[in-house]
Amino acid sequence: MSITKEQKTKITEEFRMHEKDTGSAEVQVAILTKRIENLRPHFATHKKDNHSKKGLIRLVNNRKKHLRYLKTKNYEKYLEIVSKLGLRK
């Protein structure tokens, strides 16, 4: 369910802004999106798992906060990230 170190490194390399960037909003949104996508199959089989659902809601809200920050600070980068990850239509 969680992402592996290799997946996280790959995502970081794809979305980072400079060589040592590991914590920018773009990278964090991408990592959170991958974690949310990994939880989808779990909820398909375990519909009444309310404890994990609370964690999923926490992840979604955290991603929403990062996207809101990115939207106010750098709108072009926000649009790029949203289209690259396929979040909004």
PDB file of N, CA and C in Angstrom:
ATOM      1  N   MET A   1       0.811  -1.189   0.000  1.00  0.00           N
ATOM      2  CA  MET A   1       0.000   0.000   0.000  1.00  0.00           C
ATOM      3  C   MET A   1       0.855   1.253   0.000  1.00  0.00           C
ATOM      4  N   SER A   2       1.875   1.254   0.780  1.00  0.00           N
ATOM      5  CA  SER A   2       2.772   2.393   0.796  1.00  0.00           C
ATOM      6  C   SER A   2       3.676   2.331  -0.427  1.00  0.00           C
ATOM      7  N   ILE A   3       4.296   3.448  -0.742  1.00  0.00           N
ATOM      8  CA  ILE A   3       5.175   3.443  -1.902  1.00  0.00           C
ATOM      9  C   ILE A   3       6.574   3.032  -1.468  1.00  0.00           C
ATOM     10  N   THR A   4       7.292   2.407  -2.384  1.00  0.00           N
ATOM     11  CA  THR A   4       8.638   1.955  -2.076  1.00  0.00           C
ATOM     12  C   THR A   4       9.622   3.105  -2.222  1.00  0.00           C
ATOM     13  N   LYS A   5      10.809   2.888  -1.737  1.00  0.00           N
ATOM     14  CA  LYS A   5      11.844   3.908  -1.810  1.00  0.00           C
ATOM     15  C   LYS A   5      12.200   4.217  -3.264  1.00  0.00           C
ATOM     16  N   GLU A   6      12.201   3.192  -4.107  1.00  0.00           N
ATOM     17  CA  GLU A   6      12.521   3.394  -5.518  1.00  0.00           C
ATOM     18  C   GLU A   6      11.441   4.228  -6.209  1.00  0.00           C
ATOM     19  N   GLN A   7      10.173   3.966  -5.889  1.00  0.00           N
ATOM     20  CA  GLN A   7       9.089   4.752  -6.475  1.00  0.00           C
ATOM     21  C   GLN A   7       9.178   6.205  -6.029  1.00  0.00           C
ATOM     22  N   LYS A   8       9.472   6.408  -4.752  1.00  0.00           N
ATOM     23  CA  LYS A   8       9.579   7.756  -4.218  1.00  0.00           C
ATOM     24  C   LYS A   8      10.737   8.512  -4.863  1.00  0.00           C
ATOM     25  N   THR A   9      11.862   7.832  -5.065  1.00  0.00           N
ATOM     26  CA  THR A   9      13.008   8.451  -5.713  1.00  0.00           C
ATOM     27  C   THR A   9      12.676   8.820  -7.152  1.00  0.00           C
ATOM     28  N   LYS A  10      11.990   7.947  -7.851  1.00  0.00           N
ATOM     29  CA  LYS A  10      11.608   8.208  -9.240  1.00  0.00           C
ATOM     30  C   LYS A  10      10.684   9.424  -9.330  1.00  0.00           C
ATOM     31  N   ILE A  11       9.698   9.489  -8.433  1.00  0.00           N
ATOM     32  CA  ILE A  11       8.775  10.622  -8.414  1.00  0.00           C
ATOM     33  C   ILE A  11       9.512  11.912  -8.085  1.00  0.00           C
ATOM     34  N   THR A  12      10.414  11.853  -7.119  1.00  0.00           N
ATOM     35  CA  THR A  12      11.187  13.029  -6.732  1.00  0.00           C
ATOM     36  C   THR A  12      12.021  13.535  -7.892  1.00  0.00           C
ATOM     37  N   GLU A  13      12.678  12.634  -8.608  1.00  0.00           N
ATOM     38  CA  GLU A  13      13.498  13.036  -9.744  1.00  0.00           C
ATOM     39  C   GLU A  13      12.661  13.652 -10.859  1.00  0.00           C
ATOM     40  N   GLU A  14      11.444  13.178 -11.029  1.00  0.00           N
ATOM     41  CA  GLU A  14      10.590  13.689 -12.092  1.00  0.00           C
ATOM     42  C   GLU A  14      10.044  15.080 -11.784  1.00  0.00           C
ATOM     43  N   PHE A  15       9.714  15.364 -10.537  1.00  0.00           N
ATOM     44  CA  PHE A  15       9.026  16.603 -10.193  1.00  0.00           C
ATOM     45  C   PHE A  15       9.889  17.627  -9.475  1.00  0.00           C
ATOM     46  N   ARG A  16      11.132  17.342  -9.200  1.00  0.00           N
ATOM     47  CA  ARG A  16      11.944  18.300  -8.446  1.00  0.00           C
ATOM     48  C   ARG A  16      12.312  19.513  -9.292  1.00  0.00           C
ATOM     49  N   MET A  17      12.604  20.601  -8.592  1.00  0.00           N
ATOM     50  CA  MET A  17      12.913  21.853  -9.260  1.00  0.00           C
ATOM     51  C   MET A  17      14.416  22.029  -9.452  1.00  0.00           C
ATOM     52  N   HIS A  18      15.218  21.470  -8.552  1.00  0.00           N
ATOM     53  CA  HIS A  18      16.680  21.524  -8.663  1.00  0.00           C
ATOM     54  C   HIS A  18      17.260  20.232  -8.117  1.00  0.00           C
ATOM     55  N   GLU A  19      18.563  20.092  -8.105  1.00  0.00           N
ATOM     56  CA  GLU A  19      19.243  18.835  -7.798  1.00  0.00           C
ATOM     57  C   GLU A  19      18.902  18.279  -6.410  1.00  0.00           C
ATOM     58  N   LYS A  20      18.839  19.122  -5.390  1.00  0.00           N
ATOM     59  CA  LYS A  20      18.636  18.638  -4.019  1.00  0.00           C
ATOM     60  C   LYS A  20      17.206  18.849  -3.519  1.00  0.00           C
ATOM     61  N   ASP A  21      16.283  19.066  -4.415  1.00  0.00           N
ATOM     62  CA  ASP A  21      14.899  19.327  -4.036  1.00  0.00           C
ATOM     63  C   ASP A  21      14.180  18.023  -3.705  1.00  0.00           C
ATOM     64  N   THR A  22      13.759  17.890  -2.451  1.00  0.00           N
ATOM     65  CA  THR A  22      12.988  16.715  -2.048  1.00  0.00           C
ATOM     66  C   THR A  22      11.703  17.093  -1.332  1.00  0.00           C
ATOM     67  N   GLY A  23      11.515  18.356  -1.002  1.00  0.00           N
ATOM     68  CA  GLY A  23      10.373  18.725  -0.187  1.00  0.00           C
ATOM     69  C   GLY A  23       9.528  19.842  -0.743  1.00  0.00           C
ATOM     70  N   SER A  24       9.698  20.208  -1.997  1.00  0.00           N
ATOM     71  CA  SER A  24       8.879  21.283  -2.553  1.00  0.00           C
ATOM     72  C   SER A  24       7.436  20.819  -2.685  1.00  0.00           C
ATOM     73  N   ALA A  25       6.556  21.759  -2.865  1.00  0.00           N
ATOM     74  CA  ALA A  25       5.131  21.441  -2.957  1.00  0.00           C
ATOM     75  C   ALA A  25       4.844  20.517  -4.136  1.00  0.00           C
ATOM     76  N   GLU A  26       5.561  20.694  -5.233  1.00  0.00           N
ATOM     77  CA  GLU A  26       5.345  19.859  -6.410  1.00  0.00           C
ATOM     78  C   GLU A  26       5.665  18.403  -6.120  1.00  0.00           C
ATOM     79  N   VAL A  27       6.786  18.178  -5.464  1.00  0.00           N
ATOM     80  CA  VAL A  27       7.210  16.818  -5.135  1.00  0.00           C
ATOM     81  C   VAL A  27       6.240  16.193  -4.139  1.00  0.00           C
ATOM     82  N   GLN A  28       5.843  16.959  -3.141  1.00  0.00           N
ATOM     83  CA  GLN A  28       4.940  16.424  -2.130  1.00  0.00           C
ATOM     84  C   GLN A  28       3.578  16.076  -2.698  1.00  0.00           C
ATOM     85  N   VAL A  29       3.069  16.905  -3.622  1.00  0.00           N
ATOM     86  CA  VAL A  29       1.789  16.609  -4.260  1.00  0.00           C
ATOM     87  C   VAL A  29       1.893  15.318  -5.061  1.00  0.00           C
ATOM     88  N   ALA A  30       2.987  15.138  -5.781  1.00  0.00           N
ATOM     89  CA  ALA A  30       3.166  13.929  -6.584  1.00  0.00           C
ATOM     90  C   ALA A  30       3.252  12.678  -5.701  1.00  0.00           C
ATOM     91  N   ILE A  31       3.980  12.771  -4.598  1.00  0.00           N
ATOM     92  CA  ILE A  31       4.114  11.625  -3.695  1.00  0.00           C
ATOM     93  C   ILE A  31       2.762  11.301  -3.035  1.00  0.00           C
ATOM     94  N   LEU A  32       2.059  12.324  -2.590  1.00  0.00           N
ATOM     95  CA  LEU A  32       0.745  12.098  -1.984  1.00  0.00           C
ATOM     96  C   LEU A  32      -0.230  11.498  -2.988  1.00  0.00           C
ATOM     97  N   THR A  33      -0.170  11.939  -4.232  1.00  0.00           N
ATOM     98  CA  THR A  33      -1.046  11.389  -5.262  1.00  0.00           C
ATOM     99  C   THR A  33      -0.763   9.913  -5.475  1.00  0.00           C
ATOM    100  N   LYS A  34       0.501   9.538  -5.499  1.00  0.00           N
ATOM    101  CA  LYS A  34       0.867   8.127  -5.675  1.00  0.00           C
ATOM    102  C   LYS A  34       0.370   7.297  -4.490  1.00  0.00           C
ATOM    103  N   ARG A  35       0.505   7.823  -3.270  1.00  0.00           N
ATOM    104  CA  ARG A  35       0.031   7.095  -2.094  1.00  0.00           C
ATOM    105  C   ARG A  35      -1.487   6.920  -2.119  1.00  0.00           C
ATOM    106  N   ILE A  36      -2.204   7.958  -2.565  1.00  0.00           N
ATOM    107  CA  ILE A  36      -3.662   7.884  -2.653  1.00  0.00           C
ATOM    108  C   ILE A  36      -4.073   6.855  -3.698  1.00  0.00           C
ATOM    109  N   GLU A  37      -3.388   6.854  -4.832  1.00  0.00           N
ATOM    110  CA  GLU A  37      -3.698   5.877  -5.882  1.00  0.00           C
ATOM    111  C   GLU A  37      -3.436   4.444  -5.414  1.00  0.00           C
ATOM    112  N   ASN A  38      -2.423   4.252  -4.578  1.00  0.00           N
ATOM    113  CA  ASN A  38      -2.127   2.912  -4.069  1.00  0.00           C
ATOM    114  C   ASN A  38      -3.184   2.409  -3.093  1.00  0.00           C
ATOM    115  N   LEU A  39      -3.948   3.312  -2.492  1.00  0.00           N
ATOM    116  CA  LEU A  39      -4.982   2.905  -1.542  1.00  0.00           C
ATOM    117  C   LEU A  39      -6.298   2.519  -2.217  1.00  0.00           C
ATOM    118  N   ARG A  40      -6.490   2.888  -3.466  1.00  0.00           N
ATOM    119  CA  ARG A  40      -7.753   2.601  -4.145  1.00  0.00           C
ATOM    120  C   ARG A  40      -8.107   1.114  -4.175  1.00  0.00           C
ATOM    121  N   PRO A  41      -7.194   0.217  -4.536  1.00  0.00           N
ATOM    122  CA  PRO A  41      -7.565  -1.208  -4.547  1.00  0.00           C
ATOM    123  C   PRO A  41      -7.951  -1.740  -3.169  1.00  0.00           C
ATOM    124  N   HIS A  42      -7.332  -1.209  -2.124  1.00  0.00           N
ATOM    125  CA  HIS A  42      -7.651  -1.636  -0.769  1.00  0.00           C
ATOM    126  C   HIS A  42      -9.113  -1.333  -0.446  1.00  0.00           C
ATOM    127  N   PHE A  43      -9.567  -0.144  -0.820  1.00  0.00           N
ATOM    128  CA  PHE A  43     -10.944   0.232  -0.516  1.00  0.00           C
ATOM    129  C   PHE A  43     -11.944  -0.432  -1.448  1.00  0.00           C
ATOM    130  N   ALA A  44     -11.491  -0.950  -2.565  1.00  0.00           N
ATOM    131  CA  ALA A  44     -12.392  -1.703  -3.436  1.00  0.00           C
ATOM    132  C   ALA A  44     -12.776  -3.031  -2.784  1.00  0.00           C
ATOM    133  N   THR A  45     -11.829  -3.621  -2.053  1.00  0.00           N
ATOM    134  CA  THR A  45     -12.105  -4.900  -1.405  1.00  0.00           C
ATOM    135  C   THR A  45     -12.589  -4.744   0.040  1.00  0.00           C
ATOM    136  N   HIS A  46     -12.150  -3.691   0.722  1.00  0.00           N
ATOM    137  CA  HIS A  46     -12.499  -3.478   2.133  1.00  0.00           C
ATOM    138  C   HIS A  46     -13.313  -2.194   2.259  1.00  0.00           C
ATOM    139  N   LYS A  47     -14.583  -2.268   1.935  1.00  0.00           N
ATOM    140  CA  LYS A  47     -15.434  -1.086   1.893  1.00  0.00           C
ATOM    141  C   LYS A  47     -15.705  -0.479   3.273  1.00  0.00           C
ATOM    142  N   LYS A  48     -15.650  -1.282   4.325  1.00  0.00           N
ATOM    143  CA  LYS A  48     -15.999  -0.788   5.651  1.00  0.00           C
ATOM    144  C   LYS A  48     -14.780  -0.500   6.533  1.00  0.00           C
ATOM    145  N   ASP A  49     -13.637  -0.342   5.934  1.00  0.00           N
ATOM    146  CA  ASP A  49     -12.410  -0.066   6.680  1.00  0.00           C
ATOM    147  C   ASP A  49     -12.340   1.425   7.011  1.00  0.00           C
ATOM    148  N   ASN A  50     -13.002   1.798   8.093  1.00  0.00           N
ATOM    149  CA  ASN A  50     -13.098   3.211   8.447  1.00  0.00           C
ATOM    150  C   ASN A  50     -11.797   3.782   8.980  1.00  0.00           C
ATOM    151  N   HIS A  51     -10.959   2.982   9.594  1.00  0.00           N
ATOM    152  CA  HIS A  51      -9.698   3.476  10.123  1.00  0.00           C
ATOM    153  C   HIS A  51      -8.760   3.895   9.001  1.00  0.00           C
ATOM    154  N   SER A  52      -8.671   3.091   7.975  1.00  0.00           N
ATOM    155  CA  SER A  52      -7.840   3.455   6.832  1.00  0.00           C
ATOM    156  C   SER A  52      -8.459   4.598   6.046  1.00  0.00           C
ATOM    157  N   LYS A  53      -9.775   4.667   6.060  1.00  0.00           N
ATOM    158  CA  LYS A  53     -10.456   5.757   5.359  1.00  0.00           C
ATOM    159  C   LYS A  53     -10.098   7.102   5.975  1.00  0.00           C
ATOM    160  N   LYS A  54      -9.929   7.125   7.294  1.00  0.00           N
ATOM    161  CA  LYS A  54      -9.522   8.357   7.961  1.00  0.00           C
ATOM    162  C   LYS A  54      -8.133   8.782   7.495  1.00  0.00           C
ATOM    163  N   GLY A  55      -7.234   7.820   7.334  1.00  0.00           N
ATOM    164  CA  GLY A  55      -5.904   8.125   6.820  1.00  0.00           C
ATOM    165  C   GLY A  55      -5.946   8.616   5.390  1.00  0.00           C
ATOM    166  N   LEU A  56      -6.826   8.036   4.587  1.00  0.00           N
ATOM    167  CA  LEU A  56      -6.980   8.478   3.206  1.00  0.00           C
ATOM    168  C   LEU A  56      -7.477   9.915   3.158  1.00  0.00           C
ATOM    169  N   ILE A  57      -8.435  10.237   3.988  1.00  0.00           N
ATOM    170  CA  ILE A  57      -8.964  11.602   4.028  1.00  0.00           C
ATOM    171  C   ILE A  57      -7.876  12.572   4.450  1.00  0.00           C
ATOM    172  N   ARG A  58      -7.027  12.159   5.371  1.00  0.00           N
ATOM    173  CA  ARG A  58      -5.917  13.001   5.807  1.00  0.00           C
ATOM    174  C   ARG A  58      -4.949  13.256   4.648  1.00  0.00           C
ATOM    175  N   LEU A  59      -4.660  12.211   3.867  1.00  0.00           N
ATOM    176  CA  LEU A  59      -3.779  12.371   2.711  1.00  0.00           C
ATOM    177  C   LEU A  59      -4.377  13.310   1.669  1.00  0.00           C
ATOM    178  N   VAL A  60      -5.663  13.147   1.393  1.00  0.00           N
ATOM    179  CA  VAL A  60      -6.330  13.993   0.401  1.00  0.00           C
ATOM    180  C   VAL A  60      -6.335  15.452   0.858  1.00  0.00           C
ATOM    181  N   ASN A  61      -6.621  15.689   2.128  1.00  0.00           N
ATOM    182  CA  ASN A  61      -6.629  17.062   2.643  1.00  0.00           C
ATOM    183  C   ASN A  61      -5.240  17.676   2.616  1.00  0.00           C
ATOM    184  N   ASN A  62      -4.233  16.882   2.918  1.00  0.00           N
ATOM    185  CA  ASN A  62      -2.859  17.379   2.875  1.00  0.00           C
ATOM    186  C   ASN A  62      -2.483  17.763   1.450  1.00  0.00           C
ATOM    187  N   ARG A  63      -2.861  16.921   0.481  1.00  0.00           N
ATOM    188  CA  ARG A  63      -2.584  17.233  -0.921  1.00  0.00           C
ATOM    189  C   ARG A  63      -3.327  18.496  -1.342  1.00  0.00           C
ATOM    190  N   LYS A  64      -4.559  18.646  -0.865  1.00  0.00           N
ATOM    191  CA  LYS A  64      -5.346  19.828  -1.204  1.00  0.00           C
ATOM    192  C   LYS A  64      -4.689  21.101  -0.678  1.00  0.00           C
ATOM    193  N   LYS A  65      -4.120  21.040   0.521  1.00  0.00           N
ATOM    194  CA  LYS A  65      -3.423  22.192   1.089  1.00  0.00           C
ATOM    195  C   LYS A  65      -2.205  22.563   0.256  1.00  0.00           C
ATOM    196  N   HIS A  66      -1.443  21.558  -0.154  1.00  0.00           N
ATOM    197  CA  HIS A  66      -0.264  21.823  -0.977  1.00  0.00           C
ATOM    198  C   HIS A  66      -0.657  22.405  -2.332  1.00  0.00           C
ATOM    199  N   LEU A  67      -1.730  21.889  -2.915  1.00  0.00           N
ATOM    200  CA  LEU A  67      -2.192  22.421  -4.201  1.00  0.00           C
ATOM    201  C   LEU A  67      -2.684  23.864  -4.058  1.00  0.00           C
ATOM    202  N   ARG A  68      -3.363  24.161  -2.975  1.00  0.00           N
ATOM    203  CA  ARG A  68      -3.831  25.528  -2.747  1.00  0.00           C
ATOM    204  C   ARG A  68      -2.643  26.479  -2.599  1.00  0.00           C
ATOM    205  N   TYR A  69      -1.618  26.047  -1.869  1.00  0.00           N
ATOM    206  CA  TYR A  69      -0.408  26.856  -1.720  1.00  0.00           C
ATOM    207  C   TYR A  69       0.251  27.084  -3.073  1.00  0.00           C
ATOM    208  N   LEU A  70       0.387  26.040  -3.851  1.00  0.00           N
ATOM    209  CA  LEU A  70       1.020  26.125  -5.156  1.00  0.00           C
ATOM    210  C   LEU A  70       0.219  27.024  -6.098  1.00  0.00           C
ATOM    211  N   LYS A  71      -1.096  26.974  -5.989  1.00  0.00           N
ATOM    212  CA  LYS A  71      -1.956  27.789  -6.840  1.00  0.00           C
ATOM    213  C   LYS A  71      -1.764  29.272  -6.551  1.00  0.00           C
ATOM    214  N   THR A  72      -1.578  29.628  -5.286  1.00  0.00           N
ATOM    215  CA  THR A  72      -1.400  31.040  -4.943  1.00  0.00           C
ATOM    216  C   THR A  72       0.007  31.534  -5.246  1.00  0.00           C
ATOM    217  N   LYS A  73       1.015  30.679  -5.116  1.00  0.00           N
ATOM    218  CA  LYS A  73       2.402  31.109  -5.295  1.00  0.00           C
ATOM    219  C   LYS A  73       2.868  31.058  -6.749  1.00  0.00           C
ATOM    220  N   ASN A  74       2.480  30.002  -7.470  1.00  0.00           N
ATOM    221  CA  ASN A  74       2.967  29.823  -8.841  1.00  0.00           C
ATOM    222  C   ASN A  74       1.884  29.114  -9.653  1.00  0.00           C
ATOM    223  N   TYR A  75       1.004  29.913 -10.254  1.00  0.00           N
ATOM    224  CA  TYR A  75      -0.165  29.358 -10.926  1.00  0.00           C
ATOM    225  C   TYR A  75       0.215  28.508 -12.139  1.00  0.00           C
ATOM    226  N   GLU A  76       1.255  28.905 -12.876  1.00  0.00           N
ATOM    227  CA  GLU A  76       1.673  28.136 -14.044  1.00  0.00           C
ATOM    228  C   GLU A  76       2.164  26.746 -13.627  1.00  0.00           C
ATOM    229  N   LYS A  77       2.933  26.689 -12.553  1.00  0.00           N
ATOM    230  CA  LYS A  77       3.428  25.409 -12.053  1.00  0.00           C
ATOM    231  C   LYS A  77       2.266  24.553 -11.544  1.00  0.00           C
ATOM    232  N   TYR A  78       1.288  25.191 -10.925  1.00  0.00           N
ATOM    233  CA  TYR A  78       0.088  24.491 -10.457  1.00  0.00           C
ATOM    234  C   TYR A  78      -0.627  23.821 -11.628  1.00  0.00           C
ATOM    235  N   LEU A  79      -0.836  24.566 -12.700  1.00  0.00           N
ATOM    236  CA  LEU A  79      -1.511  24.006 -13.870  1.00  0.00           C
ATOM    237  C   LEU A  79      -0.711  22.864 -14.475  1.00  0.00           C
ATOM    238  N   GLU A  80       0.620  23.001 -14.483  1.00  0.00           N
ATOM    239  CA  GLU A  80       1.488  21.947 -15.022  1.00  0.00           C
ATOM    240  C   GLU A  80       1.380  20.665 -14.188  1.00  0.00           C
ATOM    241  N   ILE A  81       1.427  20.816 -12.876  1.00  0.00           N
ATOM    242  CA  ILE A  81       1.357  19.653 -11.973  1.00  0.00           C
ATOM    243  C   ILE A  81      -0.005  18.961 -12.094  1.00  0.00           C
ATOM    244  N   VAL A  82      -1.069  19.748 -12.116  1.00  0.00           N
ATOM    245  CA  VAL A  82      -2.423  19.190 -12.185  1.00  0.00           C
ATOM    246  C   VAL A  82      -2.606  18.423 -13.495  1.00  0.00           C
ATOM    247  N   SER A  83      -2.116  18.981 -14.583  1.00  0.00           N
ATOM    248  CA  SER A  83      -2.278  18.271 -15.856  1.00  0.00           C
ATOM    249  C   SER A  83      -1.385  17.047 -15.936  1.00  0.00           C
ATOM    250  N   LYS A  84      -0.183  17.138 -15.386  1.00  0.00           N
ATOM    251  CA  LYS A  84       0.747  16.012 -15.419  1.00  0.00           C
ATOM    252  C   LYS A  84       0.249  14.825 -14.592  1.00  0.00           C
ATOM    253  N   LEU A  85      -0.372  15.135 -13.449  1.00  0.00           N
ATOM    254  CA  LEU A  85      -0.885  14.080 -12.569  1.00  0.00           C
ATOM    255  C   LEU A  85      -2.318  13.686 -12.909  1.00  0.00           C
ATOM    256  N   GLY A  86      -2.992  14.477 -13.726  1.00  0.00           N
ATOM    257  CA  GLY A  86      -4.360  14.168 -14.105  1.00  0.00           C
ATOM    258  C   GLY A  86      -5.340  14.312 -12.962  1.00  0.00           C
ATOM    259  N   LEU A  87      -5.202  15.360 -12.159  1.00  0.00           N
ATOM    260  CA  LEU A  87      -6.041  15.521 -10.973  1.00  0.00           C
ATOM    261  C   LEU A  87      -7.386  16.167 -11.260  1.00  0.00           C
ATOM    262  N   ARG A  88      -7.384  17.228 -12.027  1.00  0.00           N
ATOM    263  CA  ARG A  88      -8.625  17.957 -12.291  1.00  0.00           C
ATOM    264  C   ARG A  88      -8.922  17.926 -13.775  1.00  0.00           C
ATOM    265  N   LYS A  89     -10.185  18.066 -14.109  1.00  0.00           N
ATOM    266  CA  LYS A  89     -10.570  18.025 -15.519  1.00  0.00           C
ATOM    267  C   LYS A  89     -10.921  19.389 -16.024  1.00  0.00           C
TER     268      LYS A  89
END
